[in-house]
Amino acid sequence: MADFIETSNTKASTREFTDSINDLTVFQSVITSLIADNPFECTSYYQSGVETDGIEKSKEYYNAKFIFEDNDAKTVGTLSVKCPTVAAYNAAVTAVLADTDLAAAIGGDCIHSSEKDTFSCTLKCHDPNSEIYYLTLTKDKARLTSYQDEAIRTKVETWADGVTALL
């Protein structure tokens, strides 16, 4: 029987934040700044004949959490809405809070529990050494995956040290 033989050795690292990023505007500004400023000096590359940016969003989601309370402030229902973009998240929050038929059907007033919301954005990064790695940011941590060169982790760590929200 043939054995599996290691062909590569990729690494993963995680940084837990001291405080969660509960403000979506702050979370989004970290992502936007990272893509615009390119502190990792990522380079564009060609994939399937198409030029790809050095840093790009690979996947993202934003979960809005709601509770429904009766007149005695007792929770009578919950709702979670998973959205693919910040714009969809904002629209969903507005729509759910305005949906009086839904609130009546559940039997309580709808309250957005923003402290229970979750956010996640994975960035695909192309290092100048040609490695492709991923950086996933959530409310509570940053996770760097699929890298081999320790210089990549050092660059990401140096960047994160300079971003107050990621400490």
C-alpha atoms as a PDB file:
ATOM      1  CA  MET A   1       0.000   0.000   0.000  1.00  0.00           C
ATOM      2  CA  ALA A   2       1.355   3.418  -0.920  1.00  0.00           C
ATOM      3  CA  ASP A   3       1.995   6.024   1.776  1.00  0.00           C
ATOM      4  CA  PHE A   4       1.116   9.690   1.677  1.00  0.00           C
ATOM      5  CA  ILE A   5       4.223  11.808   1.233  1.00  0.00           C
ATOM      6  CA  GLU A   6       4.324  15.388   2.462  1.00  0.00           C
ATOM      7  CA  THR A   7       4.580  17.793  -0.464  1.00  0.00           C
ATOM      8  CA  SER A   8       4.258  21.094   1.360  1.00  0.00           C
ATOM      9  CA  ASN A   9       4.194  22.454   4.858  1.00  0.00           C
ATOM     10  CA  THR A  10       1.757  25.314   5.351  1.00  0.00           C
ATOM     11  CA  LYS A  11       1.239  27.128   8.622  1.00  0.00           C
ATOM     12  CA  ALA A  12      -1.579  28.824  10.460  1.00  0.00           C
ATOM     13  CA  SER A  13      -1.440  31.464  13.203  1.00  0.00           C
ATOM     14  CA  THR A  14      -4.147  33.148  15.264  1.00  0.00           C
ATOM     15  CA  ARG A  15      -4.258  36.418  17.201  1.00  0.00           C
ATOM     16  CA  GLU A  16      -7.023  36.808  19.785  1.00  0.00           C
ATOM     17  CA  PHE A  17      -8.062  40.432  20.283  1.00  0.00           C
ATOM     18  CA  THR A  18      -8.119  41.923  23.781  1.00  0.00           C
ATOM     19  CA  ASP A  19     -11.507  43.495  23.021  1.00  0.00           C
ATOM     20  CA  SER A  20     -14.006  42.384  20.390  1.00  0.00           C
ATOM     21  CA  ILE A  21     -14.676  44.682  17.453  1.00  0.00           C
ATOM     22  CA  ASN A  22     -18.383  45.295  18.048  1.00  0.00           C
ATOM     23  CA  ASP A  23     -18.686  48.260  15.704  1.00  0.00           C
ATOM     24  CA  LEU A  24     -19.173  47.223  12.082  1.00  0.00           C
ATOM     25  CA  THR A  25     -17.844  50.597  10.881  1.00  0.00           C
ATOM     26  CA  VAL A  26     -14.541  49.974  12.691  1.00  0.00           C
ATOM     27  CA  PHE A  27     -14.382  46.410  11.358  1.00  0.00           C
ATOM     28  CA  GLN A  28     -15.047  47.565   7.812  1.00  0.00           C
ATOM     29  CA  SER A  29     -12.497  50.395   8.069  1.00  0.00           C
ATOM     30  CA  VAL A  30      -9.796  47.873   9.042  1.00  0.00           C
ATOM     31  CA  ILE A  31     -10.619  45.765   5.955  1.00  0.00           C
ATOM     32  CA  THR A  32     -10.881  48.754   3.601  1.00  0.00           C
ATOM     33  CA  SER A  33      -7.622  50.248   4.866  1.00  0.00           C
ATOM     34  CA  LEU A  34      -5.814  46.927   4.549  1.00  0.00           C
ATOM     35  CA  ILE A  35      -6.867  46.513   0.928  1.00  0.00           C
ATOM     36  CA  ALA A  36      -6.205  50.149  -0.020  1.00  0.00           C
ATOM     37  CA  ASP A  37      -2.882  50.574   1.811  1.00  0.00           C
ATOM     38  CA  ASN A  38      -1.489  47.085   1.035  1.00  0.00           C
ATOM     39  CA  PRO A  39       0.912  47.028   4.028  1.00  0.00           C
ATOM     40  CA  PHE A  40       2.034  43.483   3.133  1.00  0.00           C
ATOM     41  CA  GLU A  41       3.233  44.715  -0.290  1.00  0.00           C
ATOM     42  CA  CYS A  42       1.157  42.065  -2.020  1.00  0.00           C
ATOM     43  CA  THR A  43       1.513  41.896  -5.782  1.00  0.00           C
ATOM     44  CA  SER A  44      -1.037  41.315  -8.506  1.00  0.00           C
ATOM     45  CA  TYR A  45      -0.808  38.044 -10.406  1.00  0.00           C
ATOM     46  CA  TYR A  46      -2.481  36.143 -13.214  1.00  0.00           C
ATOM     47  CA  GLN A  47      -4.907  33.331 -12.525  1.00  0.00           C
ATOM     48  CA  SER A  48      -6.593  31.558 -15.432  1.00  0.00           C
ATOM     49  CA  GLY A  49      -5.375  34.348 -17.720  1.00  0.00           C
ATOM     50  CA  VAL A  50      -6.989  37.099 -15.632  1.00  0.00           C
ATOM     51  CA  GLU A  51      -5.043  39.666 -13.617  1.00  0.00           C
ATOM     52  CA  THR A  52      -5.935  39.436  -9.932  1.00  0.00           C
ATOM     53  CA  ASP A  53      -5.282  42.082  -7.277  1.00  0.00           C
ATOM     54  CA  GLY A  54      -2.605  41.309  -4.698  1.00  0.00           C
ATOM     55  CA  ILE A  55      -5.162  41.570  -1.872  1.00  0.00           C
ATOM     56  CA  GLU A  56      -8.816  40.839  -2.456  1.00  0.00           C
ATOM     57  CA  LYS A  57     -11.830  39.683  -0.492  1.00  0.00           C
ATOM     58  CA  SER A  58     -12.187  35.952  -0.843  1.00  0.00           C
ATOM     59  CA  LYS A  59     -15.349  35.613   1.237  1.00  0.00           C
ATOM     60  CA  GLU A  60     -17.250  37.607   3.810  1.00  0.00           C
ATOM     61  CA  TYR A  61     -20.405  37.422   5.879  1.00  0.00           C
ATOM     62  CA  TYR A  62     -22.184  39.522   8.462  1.00  0.00           C
ATOM     63  CA  ASN A  63     -24.721  38.006  10.886  1.00  0.00           C
ATOM     64  CA  ALA A  64     -27.323  40.235  12.529  1.00  0.00           C
ATOM     65  CA  LYS A  65     -28.970  38.893  15.688  1.00  0.00           C
ATOM     66  CA  PHE A  66     -32.393  39.910  16.946  1.00  0.00           C
ATOM     67  CA  ILE A  67     -34.499  39.110  19.982  1.00  0.00           C
ATOM     68  CA  PHE A  68     -38.228  39.548  20.374  1.00  0.00           C
ATOM     69  CA  GLU A  69     -39.513  40.556  23.818  1.00  0.00           C
ATOM     70  CA  ASP A  70     -43.034  40.549  25.163  1.00  0.00           C
ATOM     71  CA  ASN A  71     -44.478  43.309  27.385  1.00  0.00           C
ATOM     72  CA  ASP A  72     -42.769  41.770  30.445  1.00  0.00           C
ATOM     73  CA  ALA A  73     -39.340  41.968  28.709  1.00  0.00           C
ATOM     74  CA  LYS A  74     -39.304  38.181  28.402  1.00  0.00           C
ATOM     75  CA  THR A  75     -37.622  36.816  25.278  1.00  0.00           C
ATOM     76  CA  VAL A  76     -40.255  35.091  23.151  1.00  0.00           C
ATOM     77  CA  GLY A  77     -38.217  34.638  19.981  1.00  0.00           C
ATOM     78  CA  THR A  78     -34.898  35.103  18.252  1.00  0.00           C
ATOM     79  CA  LEU A  79     -33.789  35.638  14.690  1.00  0.00           C
ATOM     80  CA  SER A  80     -30.424  35.488  12.944  1.00  0.00           C
ATOM     81  CA  VAL A  81     -29.874  36.906   9.464  1.00  0.00           C
ATOM     82  CA  LYS A  82     -26.687  36.023   7.557  1.00  0.00           C
ATOM     83  CA  CYS A  83     -25.762  38.597   4.903  1.00  0.00           C
ATOM     84  CA  PRO A  84     -23.096  38.460   2.174  1.00  0.00           C
ATOM     85  CA  THR A  85     -22.078  42.152   2.348  1.00  0.00           C
ATOM     86  CA  VAL A  86     -22.140  45.138   4.685  1.00  0.00           C
ATOM     87  CA  ALA A  87     -24.792  46.786   2.504  1.00  0.00           C
ATOM     88  CA  ALA A  88     -26.998  43.688   2.757  1.00  0.00           C
ATOM     89  CA  TYR A  89     -26.440  43.568   6.532  1.00  0.00           C
ATOM     90  CA  ASN A  90     -27.490  47.214   6.941  1.00  0.00           C
ATOM     91  CA  ALA A  91     -30.557  46.701   4.734  1.00  0.00           C
ATOM     92  CA  ALA A  92     -31.528  43.525   6.599  1.00  0.00           C
ATOM     93  CA  VAL A  93     -31.258  45.206  10.010  1.00  0.00           C
ATOM     94  CA  THR A  94     -33.496  48.033   8.816  1.00  0.00           C
ATOM     95  CA  ALA A  95     -36.013  45.646   7.226  1.00  0.00           C
ATOM     96  CA  VAL A  96     -36.270  43.288  10.207  1.00  0.00           C
ATOM     97  CA  LEU A  97     -36.706  46.137  12.699  1.00  0.00           C
ATOM     98  CA  ALA A  98     -39.452  47.636  10.508  1.00  0.00           C
ATOM     99  CA  ASP A  99     -41.296  44.330   9.965  1.00  0.00           C
ATOM    100  CA  THR A 100     -44.299  44.726  12.254  1.00  0.00           C
ATOM    101  CA  ASP A 101     -45.993  41.642  10.780  1.00  0.00           C
ATOM    102  CA  LEU A 102     -43.026  39.483  11.807  1.00  0.00           C
ATOM    103  CA  ALA A 103     -42.972  40.988  15.305  1.00  0.00           C
ATOM    104  CA  ALA A 104     -46.721  40.370  15.653  1.00  0.00           C
ATOM    105  CA  ALA A 105     -46.371  36.792  14.429  1.00  0.00           C
ATOM    106  CA  ILE A 106     -43.639  36.081  16.993  1.00  0.00           C
ATOM    107  CA  GLY A 107     -45.494  37.976  19.700  1.00  0.00           C
ATOM    108  CA  GLY A 108     -43.037  40.621  20.821  1.00  0.00           C
ATOM    109  CA  ASP A 109     -41.066  43.747  20.039  1.00  0.00           C
ATOM    110  CA  CYS A 110     -37.986  43.285  17.862  1.00  0.00           C
ATOM    111  CA  ILE A 111     -34.637  44.414  19.277  1.00  0.00           C
ATOM    112  CA  HIS A 112     -31.338  44.287  17.374  1.00  0.00           C
ATOM    113  CA  SER A 113     -28.787  42.566  19.651  1.00  0.00           C
ATOM    114  CA  SER A 114     -25.784  44.099  17.918  1.00  0.00           C
ATOM    115  CA  GLU A 115     -23.395  42.877  20.630  1.00  0.00           C
ATOM    116  CA  LYS A 116     -24.217  39.333  19.477  1.00  0.00           C
ATOM    117  CA  ASP A 117     -23.684  40.081  15.773  1.00  0.00           C
ATOM    118  CA  THR A 118     -20.803  38.312  14.044  1.00  0.00           C
ATOM    119  CA  PHE A 119     -18.605  39.504  11.189  1.00  0.00           C
ATOM    120  CA  SER A 120     -16.033  37.667   9.101  1.00  0.00           C
ATOM    121  CA  CYS A 121     -13.936  38.661   6.117  1.00  0.00           C
ATOM    122  CA  THR A 122     -11.283  36.488   4.485  1.00  0.00           C
ATOM    123  CA  LEU A 123      -8.672  38.191   2.342  1.00  0.00           C
ATOM    124  CA  LYS A 124      -6.680  36.327  -0.283  1.00  0.00           C
ATOM    125  CA  CYS A 125      -3.146  37.731  -0.421  1.00  0.00           C
ATOM    126  CA  HIS A 126      -0.380  37.183  -2.974  1.00  0.00           C
ATOM    127  CA  ASP A 127       3.060  37.682  -1.463  1.00  0.00           C
ATOM    128  CA  PRO A 128       5.935  38.998  -3.609  1.00  0.00           C
ATOM    129  CA  ASN A 129       7.562  35.554  -3.117  1.00  0.00           C
ATOM    130  CA  SER A 130       4.541  34.104  -5.068  1.00  0.00           C
ATOM    131  CA  GLU A 131       2.885  32.454  -2.057  1.00  0.00           C
ATOM    132  CA  ILE A 132      -0.865  32.831  -1.737  1.00  0.00           C
ATOM    133  CA  TYR A 133      -2.098  33.013   1.847  1.00  0.00           C
ATOM    134  CA  TYR A 134      -5.300  34.013   3.623  1.00  0.00           C
ATOM    135  CA  LEU A 135      -6.046  36.437   6.432  1.00  0.00           C
ATOM    136  CA  THR A 136      -9.438  36.064   8.105  1.00  0.00           C
ATOM    137  CA  LEU A 137     -10.668  38.807  10.412  1.00  0.00           C
ATOM    138  CA  THR A 138     -13.595  38.357  12.783  1.00  0.00           C
ATOM    139  CA  LYS A 139     -14.860  40.385  15.726  1.00  0.00           C
ATOM    140  CA  ASP A 140     -12.596  38.464  18.095  1.00  0.00           C
ATOM    141  CA  LYS A 141      -9.506  37.358  16.205  1.00  0.00           C
ATOM    142  CA  ALA A 142      -7.320  37.386  13.120  1.00  0.00           C
ATOM    143  CA  ARG A 143      -6.262  34.090  11.567  1.00  0.00           C
ATOM    144  CA  LEU A 144      -3.433  33.789   9.077  1.00  0.00           C
ATOM    145  CA  THR A 145      -3.453  30.538   7.094  1.00  0.00           C
ATOM    146  CA  SER A 146      -1.773  28.696   4.223  1.00  0.00           C
ATOM    147  CA  TYR A 147       1.609  30.379   4.445  1.00  0.00           C
ATOM    148  CA  GLN A 148       5.085  28.870   4.532  1.00  0.00           C
ATOM    149  CA  ASP A 149       7.489  31.797   4.804  1.00  0.00           C
ATOM    150  CA  GLU A 150       7.780  33.152   8.365  1.00  0.00           C
ATOM    151  CA  ALA A 151       8.406  36.612   6.874  1.00  0.00           C
ATOM    152  CA  ILE A 152       4.713  36.666   5.937  1.00  0.00           C
ATOM    153  CA  ARG A 153       3.653  36.111   9.543  1.00  0.00           C
ATOM    154  CA  THR A 154       6.094  38.807  10.640  1.00  0.00           C
ATOM    155  CA  LYS A 155       4.624  41.318   8.150  1.00  0.00           C
ATOM    156  CA  VAL A 156       1.075  40.561   9.228  1.00  0.00           C
ATOM    157  CA  GLU A 157       1.981  40.718  12.905  1.00  0.00           C
ATOM    158  CA  THR A 158       3.777  44.049  12.475  1.00  0.00           C
ATOM    159  CA  TRP A 159       0.728  45.459  10.680  1.00  0.00           C
ATOM    160  CA  ALA A 160      -1.670  44.136  13.340  1.00  0.00           C
ATOM    161  CA  ASP A 161       0.491  45.654  16.107  1.00  0.00           C
ATOM    162  CA  GLY A 162      -0.167  49.073  14.564  1.00  0.00           C
ATOM    163  CA  VAL A 163      -3.982  48.683  14.347  1.00  0.00           C
ATOM    164  CA  THR A 164      -5.610  49.606  17.656  1.00  0.00           C
ATOM    165  CA  ALA A 165      -8.708  47.471  17.019  1.00  0.00           C
ATOM    166  CA  LEU A 166      -6.550  44.346  16.598  1.00  0.00           C
ATOM    167  CA  LEU A 167      -4.582  44.544  19.824  1.00  0.00           C
END
